[in-house]
Amino acid sequence: MATVELRFSAQPEHVRTARLVAAAVARRAGVEEAVLDEVRLAVGEACSRAVGLHRGAGVTAPVRVMLTEEEKVFSIEVGDGVPGLGAGAAEDGAQRSVPADLDEEEDEMGLAVISGLVDDVEVTSDSYGGVIRMSWPIAPHAEPA
């Protein structure tokens, strides 16, 4: 299992770098070329959302992105450091509120966009912050003749 970890300050200009790194690692892992745009867009949306949550809540901790290649799946986790509200729905099912200056409709729209792009997505939140987990299948490698 190969893992790449990326941490960046909650600045919008770093989201582009996260998208580029995610696409490069996904390509290297064997994610189909036709799916790479979806990876880029989903990571961009998740990272933009995390940046907005950090800035809205005054959190100075970095946004975390974990890119993991396993045998048949490539997964990405985008974590924010906004305790108890970062990823929308809590593990106990209770709704968490977003910072007052972050539009709740905009937050829900971001999650809807991610859900539309990624078949396998999970959103969790706890006392440390929120995590959006996304995964894509890895194309089987052809055996040399």
C-alpha atoms as a PDB file:
ATOM      1  CA  MET A   1       0.000   0.000   0.000  1.00  0.00           C
ATOM      2  CA  ALA A   2       1.527   3.314  -1.114  1.00  0.00           C
ATOM      3  CA  THR A   3       0.424   6.524   0.563  1.00  0.00           C
ATOM      4  CA  VAL A   4       1.129  10.168  -0.175  1.00  0.00           C
ATOM      5  CA  GLU A   5       0.258  12.763   2.448  1.00  0.00           C
ATOM      6  CA  LEU A   6      -0.228  16.415   1.599  1.00  0.00           C
ATOM      7  CA  ARG A   7      -0.785  19.192   4.146  1.00  0.00           C
ATOM      8  CA  PHE A   8      -1.357  22.792   3.186  1.00  0.00           C
ATOM      9  CA  SER A   9      -2.372  26.033   4.850  1.00  0.00           C
ATOM     10  CA  ALA A  10      -6.012  26.969   4.355  1.00  0.00           C
ATOM     11  CA  GLN A  11      -5.410  29.273   1.401  1.00  0.00           C
ATOM     12  CA  PRO A  12      -7.520  28.965  -1.774  1.00  0.00           C
ATOM     13  CA  GLU A  13      -4.439  29.117  -4.007  1.00  0.00           C
ATOM     14  CA  HIS A  14      -3.205  25.780  -2.582  1.00  0.00           C
ATOM     15  CA  VAL A  15      -6.302  23.911  -3.783  1.00  0.00           C
ATOM     16  CA  ARG A  16      -4.979  23.839  -7.368  1.00  0.00           C
ATOM     17  CA  THR A  17      -1.768  22.172  -6.184  1.00  0.00           C
ATOM     18  CA  ALA A  18      -3.781  19.538  -4.285  1.00  0.00           C
ATOM     19  CA  ARG A  19      -5.815  18.806  -7.444  1.00  0.00           C
ATOM     20  CA  LEU A  20      -2.669  18.404  -9.549  1.00  0.00           C
ATOM     21  CA  VAL A  21      -0.980  16.139  -6.997  1.00  0.00           C
ATOM     22  CA  ALA A  22      -4.135  13.998  -6.665  1.00  0.00           C
ATOM     23  CA  ALA A  23      -4.423  13.541 -10.432  1.00  0.00           C
ATOM     24  CA  ALA A  24      -0.730  12.646 -10.766  1.00  0.00           C
ATOM     25  CA  VAL A  25      -0.842  10.089  -7.944  1.00  0.00           C
ATOM     26  CA  ALA A  26      -4.133   8.637  -9.246  1.00  0.00           C
ATOM     27  CA  ARG A  27      -2.641   8.237 -12.723  1.00  0.00           C
ATOM     28  CA  ARG A  28       0.443   6.519 -11.286  1.00  0.00           C
ATOM     29  CA  ALA A  29      -1.806   4.231  -9.197  1.00  0.00           C
ATOM     30  CA  GLY A  30      -3.659   3.042 -12.307  1.00  0.00           C
ATOM     31  CA  VAL A  31      -6.930   4.972 -12.156  1.00  0.00           C
ATOM     32  CA  GLU A  32      -8.404   5.041 -15.664  1.00  0.00           C
ATOM     33  CA  GLU A  33      -7.533   8.127 -17.695  1.00  0.00           C
ATOM     34  CA  ALA A  34     -11.235   8.873 -18.306  1.00  0.00           C
ATOM     35  CA  VAL A  35     -11.811   9.172 -14.541  1.00  0.00           C
ATOM     36  CA  LEU A  36      -8.929  11.539 -13.763  1.00  0.00           C
ATOM     37  CA  ASP A  37     -11.036  14.665 -14.385  1.00  0.00           C
ATOM     38  CA  GLU A  38     -13.535  13.401 -11.809  1.00  0.00           C
ATOM     39  CA  VAL A  39     -10.682  12.856  -9.328  1.00  0.00           C
ATOM     40  CA  ARG A  40      -9.399  16.385  -9.956  1.00  0.00           C
ATOM     41  CA  LEU A  41     -12.830  17.980  -9.594  1.00  0.00           C
ATOM     42  CA  ALA A  42     -13.800  16.005  -6.483  1.00  0.00           C
ATOM     43  CA  VAL A  43     -10.514  16.761  -4.731  1.00  0.00           C
ATOM     44  CA  GLY A  44     -10.791  20.419  -5.686  1.00  0.00           C
ATOM     45  CA  GLU A  45     -14.311  20.613  -4.272  1.00  0.00           C
ATOM     46  CA  ALA A  46     -13.375  18.786  -1.044  1.00  0.00           C
ATOM     47  CA  CYS A  47     -10.261  20.919  -0.524  1.00  0.00           C
ATOM     48  CA  SER A  48     -12.116  24.173  -1.290  1.00  0.00           C
ATOM     49  CA  ARG A  49     -14.742  23.162   1.241  1.00  0.00           C
ATOM     50  CA  ALA A  50     -12.095  22.396   3.881  1.00  0.00           C
ATOM     51  CA  VAL A  51     -10.365  25.728   3.200  1.00  0.00           C
ATOM     52  CA  GLY A  52     -13.697  27.543   3.624  1.00  0.00           C
ATOM     53  CA  LEU A  53     -14.417  25.736   6.885  1.00  0.00           C
ATOM     54  CA  HIS A  54     -10.943  26.527   8.256  1.00  0.00           C
ATOM     55  CA  ARG A  55     -11.139  30.176   7.301  1.00  0.00           C
ATOM     56  CA  GLY A  56     -14.710  30.547   8.577  1.00  0.00           C
ATOM     57  CA  ALA A  57     -13.888  28.965  11.932  1.00  0.00           C
ATOM     58  CA  GLY A  58     -10.484  30.643  12.319  1.00  0.00           C
ATOM     59  CA  VAL A  59      -8.645  27.302  12.358  1.00  0.00           C
ATOM     60  CA  THR A  60      -4.914  27.613  11.633  1.00  0.00           C
ATOM     61  CA  ALA A  61      -4.171  23.876  11.355  1.00  0.00           C
ATOM     62  CA  PRO A  62      -3.382  22.647   7.833  1.00  0.00           C
ATOM     63  CA  VAL A  63      -5.870  20.915   5.545  1.00  0.00           C
ATOM     64  CA  ARG A  64      -4.891  17.224   5.240  1.00  0.00           C
ATOM     65  CA  VAL A  65      -5.029  15.146   2.067  1.00  0.00           C
ATOM     66  CA  MET A  66      -4.142  11.428   2.134  1.00  0.00           C
ATOM     67  CA  LEU A  67      -3.811   9.622  -1.205  1.00  0.00           C
ATOM     68  CA  THR A  68      -3.656   5.842  -0.809  1.00  0.00           C
ATOM     69  CA  GLU A  69      -3.057   3.162  -3.427  1.00  0.00           C
ATOM     70  CA  GLU A  70      -4.183  -0.317  -2.486  1.00  0.00           C
ATOM     71  CA  GLU A  71      -4.432  -3.466  -4.586  1.00  0.00           C
ATOM     72  CA  LYS A  72      -7.721  -2.679  -6.336  1.00  0.00           C
ATOM     73  CA  VAL A  73      -8.676   0.783  -5.138  1.00  0.00           C
ATOM     74  CA  PHE A  74      -7.288   4.307  -4.998  1.00  0.00           C
ATOM     75  CA  SER A  75      -8.635   6.419  -2.153  1.00  0.00           C
ATOM     76  CA  ILE A  76      -8.360  10.033  -1.086  1.00  0.00           C
ATOM     77  CA  GLU A  77      -9.195  11.488   2.312  1.00  0.00           C
ATOM     78  CA  VAL A  78      -9.544  15.244   2.717  1.00  0.00           C
ATOM     79  CA  GLY A  79      -9.595  16.250   6.359  1.00  0.00           C
ATOM     80  CA  ASP A  80     -10.398  19.550   7.968  1.00  0.00           C
ATOM     81  CA  GLY A  81      -9.545  20.566  11.519  1.00  0.00           C
ATOM     82  CA  VAL A  82     -12.893  22.096  12.426  1.00  0.00           C
ATOM     83  CA  PRO A  83     -14.013  20.141  15.521  1.00  0.00           C
ATOM     84  CA  GLY A  84     -17.506  18.729  15.575  1.00  0.00           C
ATOM     85  CA  LEU A  85     -18.821  20.337  12.410  1.00  0.00           C
ATOM     86  CA  GLY A  86     -16.340  19.972   9.597  1.00  0.00           C
ATOM     87  CA  ALA A  87     -17.975  17.325   7.464  1.00  0.00           C
ATOM     88  CA  GLY A  88     -21.680  17.909   7.812  1.00  0.00           C
ATOM     89  CA  ALA A  89     -23.269  14.842   9.389  1.00  0.00           C
ATOM     90  CA  ALA A  90     -21.718  13.433  12.542  1.00  0.00           C
ATOM     91  CA  GLU A  91     -21.055   9.765  13.138  1.00  0.00           C
ATOM     92  CA  ASP A  92     -23.978   9.710  15.588  1.00  0.00           C
ATOM     93  CA  GLY A  93     -26.267  11.020  12.838  1.00  0.00           C
ATOM     94  CA  ALA A  94     -26.798  14.442  14.429  1.00  0.00           C
ATOM     95  CA  GLN A  95     -26.505  17.377  12.061  1.00  0.00           C
ATOM     96  CA  ARG A  96     -23.605  19.719  12.726  1.00  0.00           C
ATOM     97  CA  SER A  97     -23.788  23.371  11.896  1.00  0.00           C
ATOM     98  CA  VAL A  98     -21.282  25.172   9.691  1.00  0.00           C
ATOM     99  CA  PRO A  99     -19.597  28.455  10.686  1.00  0.00           C
ATOM    100  CA  ALA A 100     -21.978  31.418  10.445  1.00  0.00           C
ATOM    101  CA  ASP A 101     -20.101  33.062   7.575  1.00  0.00           C
ATOM    102  CA  LEU A 102     -20.059  29.868   5.485  1.00  0.00           C
ATOM    103  CA  ASP A 103     -23.286  29.567   3.528  1.00  0.00           C
ATOM    104  CA  GLU A 104     -24.989  26.285   4.488  1.00  0.00           C
ATOM    105  CA  GLU A 105     -26.502  25.938   0.995  1.00  0.00           C
ATOM    106  CA  GLU A 106     -23.053  26.352  -0.532  1.00  0.00           C
ATOM    107  CA  ASP A 107     -21.720  23.674   1.839  1.00  0.00           C
ATOM    108  CA  GLU A 108     -24.504  21.263   0.889  1.00  0.00           C
ATOM    109  CA  MET A 109     -23.959  22.018  -2.801  1.00  0.00           C
ATOM    110  CA  GLY A 110     -20.265  21.155  -2.457  1.00  0.00           C
ATOM    111  CA  LEU A 111     -21.115  17.800  -0.896  1.00  0.00           C
ATOM    112  CA  ALA A 112     -23.705  17.156  -3.617  1.00  0.00           C
ATOM    113  CA  VAL A 113     -21.125  17.868  -6.329  1.00  0.00           C
ATOM    114  CA  ILE A 114     -18.686  15.432  -4.717  1.00  0.00           C
ATOM    115  CA  SER A 115     -21.397  12.771  -4.400  1.00  0.00           C
ATOM    116  CA  GLY A 116     -22.259  13.247  -8.077  1.00  0.00           C
ATOM    117  CA  LEU A 117     -18.637  12.793  -9.127  1.00  0.00           C
ATOM    118  CA  VAL A 118     -17.679   9.888  -6.869  1.00  0.00           C
ATOM    119  CA  ASP A 119     -19.603   6.630  -6.534  1.00  0.00           C
ATOM    120  CA  ASP A 120     -17.874   5.664  -3.283  1.00  0.00           C
ATOM    121  CA  VAL A 121     -17.862   8.628  -0.885  1.00  0.00           C
ATOM    122  CA  GLU A 122     -18.185   8.826   2.901  1.00  0.00           C
ATOM    123  CA  VAL A 123     -18.462  11.990   4.998  1.00  0.00           C
ATOM    124  CA  THR A 124     -17.736  11.850   8.734  1.00  0.00           C
ATOM    125  CA  SER A 125     -17.091  14.304  11.542  1.00  0.00           C
ATOM    126  CA  ASP A 126     -15.866  14.027  15.109  1.00  0.00           C
ATOM    127  CA  SER A 127     -14.293  16.159  17.831  1.00  0.00           C
ATOM    128  CA  TYR A 128     -11.084  16.506  15.764  1.00  0.00           C
ATOM    129  CA  GLY A 129     -12.688  17.610  12.497  1.00  0.00           C
ATOM    130  CA  GLY A 130     -14.298  16.253   9.369  1.00  0.00           C
ATOM    131  CA  VAL A 131     -13.107  13.813   6.728  1.00  0.00           C
ATOM    132  CA  ILE A 132     -14.371  13.209   3.214  1.00  0.00           C
ATOM    133  CA  ARG A 133     -13.269   9.768   1.967  1.00  0.00           C
ATOM    134  CA  MET A 134     -13.489   9.063  -1.752  1.00  0.00           C
ATOM    135  CA  SER A 135     -12.329   6.018  -3.705  1.00  0.00           C
ATOM    136  CA  TRP A 136     -12.055   4.830  -7.282  1.00  0.00           C
ATOM    137  CA  PRO A 137     -11.249   1.403  -8.734  1.00  0.00           C
ATOM    138  CA  ILE A 138      -7.793   0.801 -10.140  1.00  0.00           C
ATOM    139  CA  ALA A 139      -7.709  -0.554 -13.685  1.00  0.00           C
ATOM    140  CA  PRO A 140      -6.274  -4.084 -13.814  1.00  0.00           C
ATOM    141  CA  HIS A 141      -2.766  -4.126 -15.213  1.00  0.00           C
ATOM    142  CA  ALA A 142      -2.244  -6.232 -18.331  1.00  0.00           C
ATOM    143  CA  GLU A 143       0.227  -9.070 -17.879  1.00  0.00           C
ATOM    144  CA  PRO A 144       3.179  -8.961 -20.280  1.00  0.00           C
ATOM    145  CA  ALA A 145       3.035 -11.604 -23.028  1.00  0.00           C
END
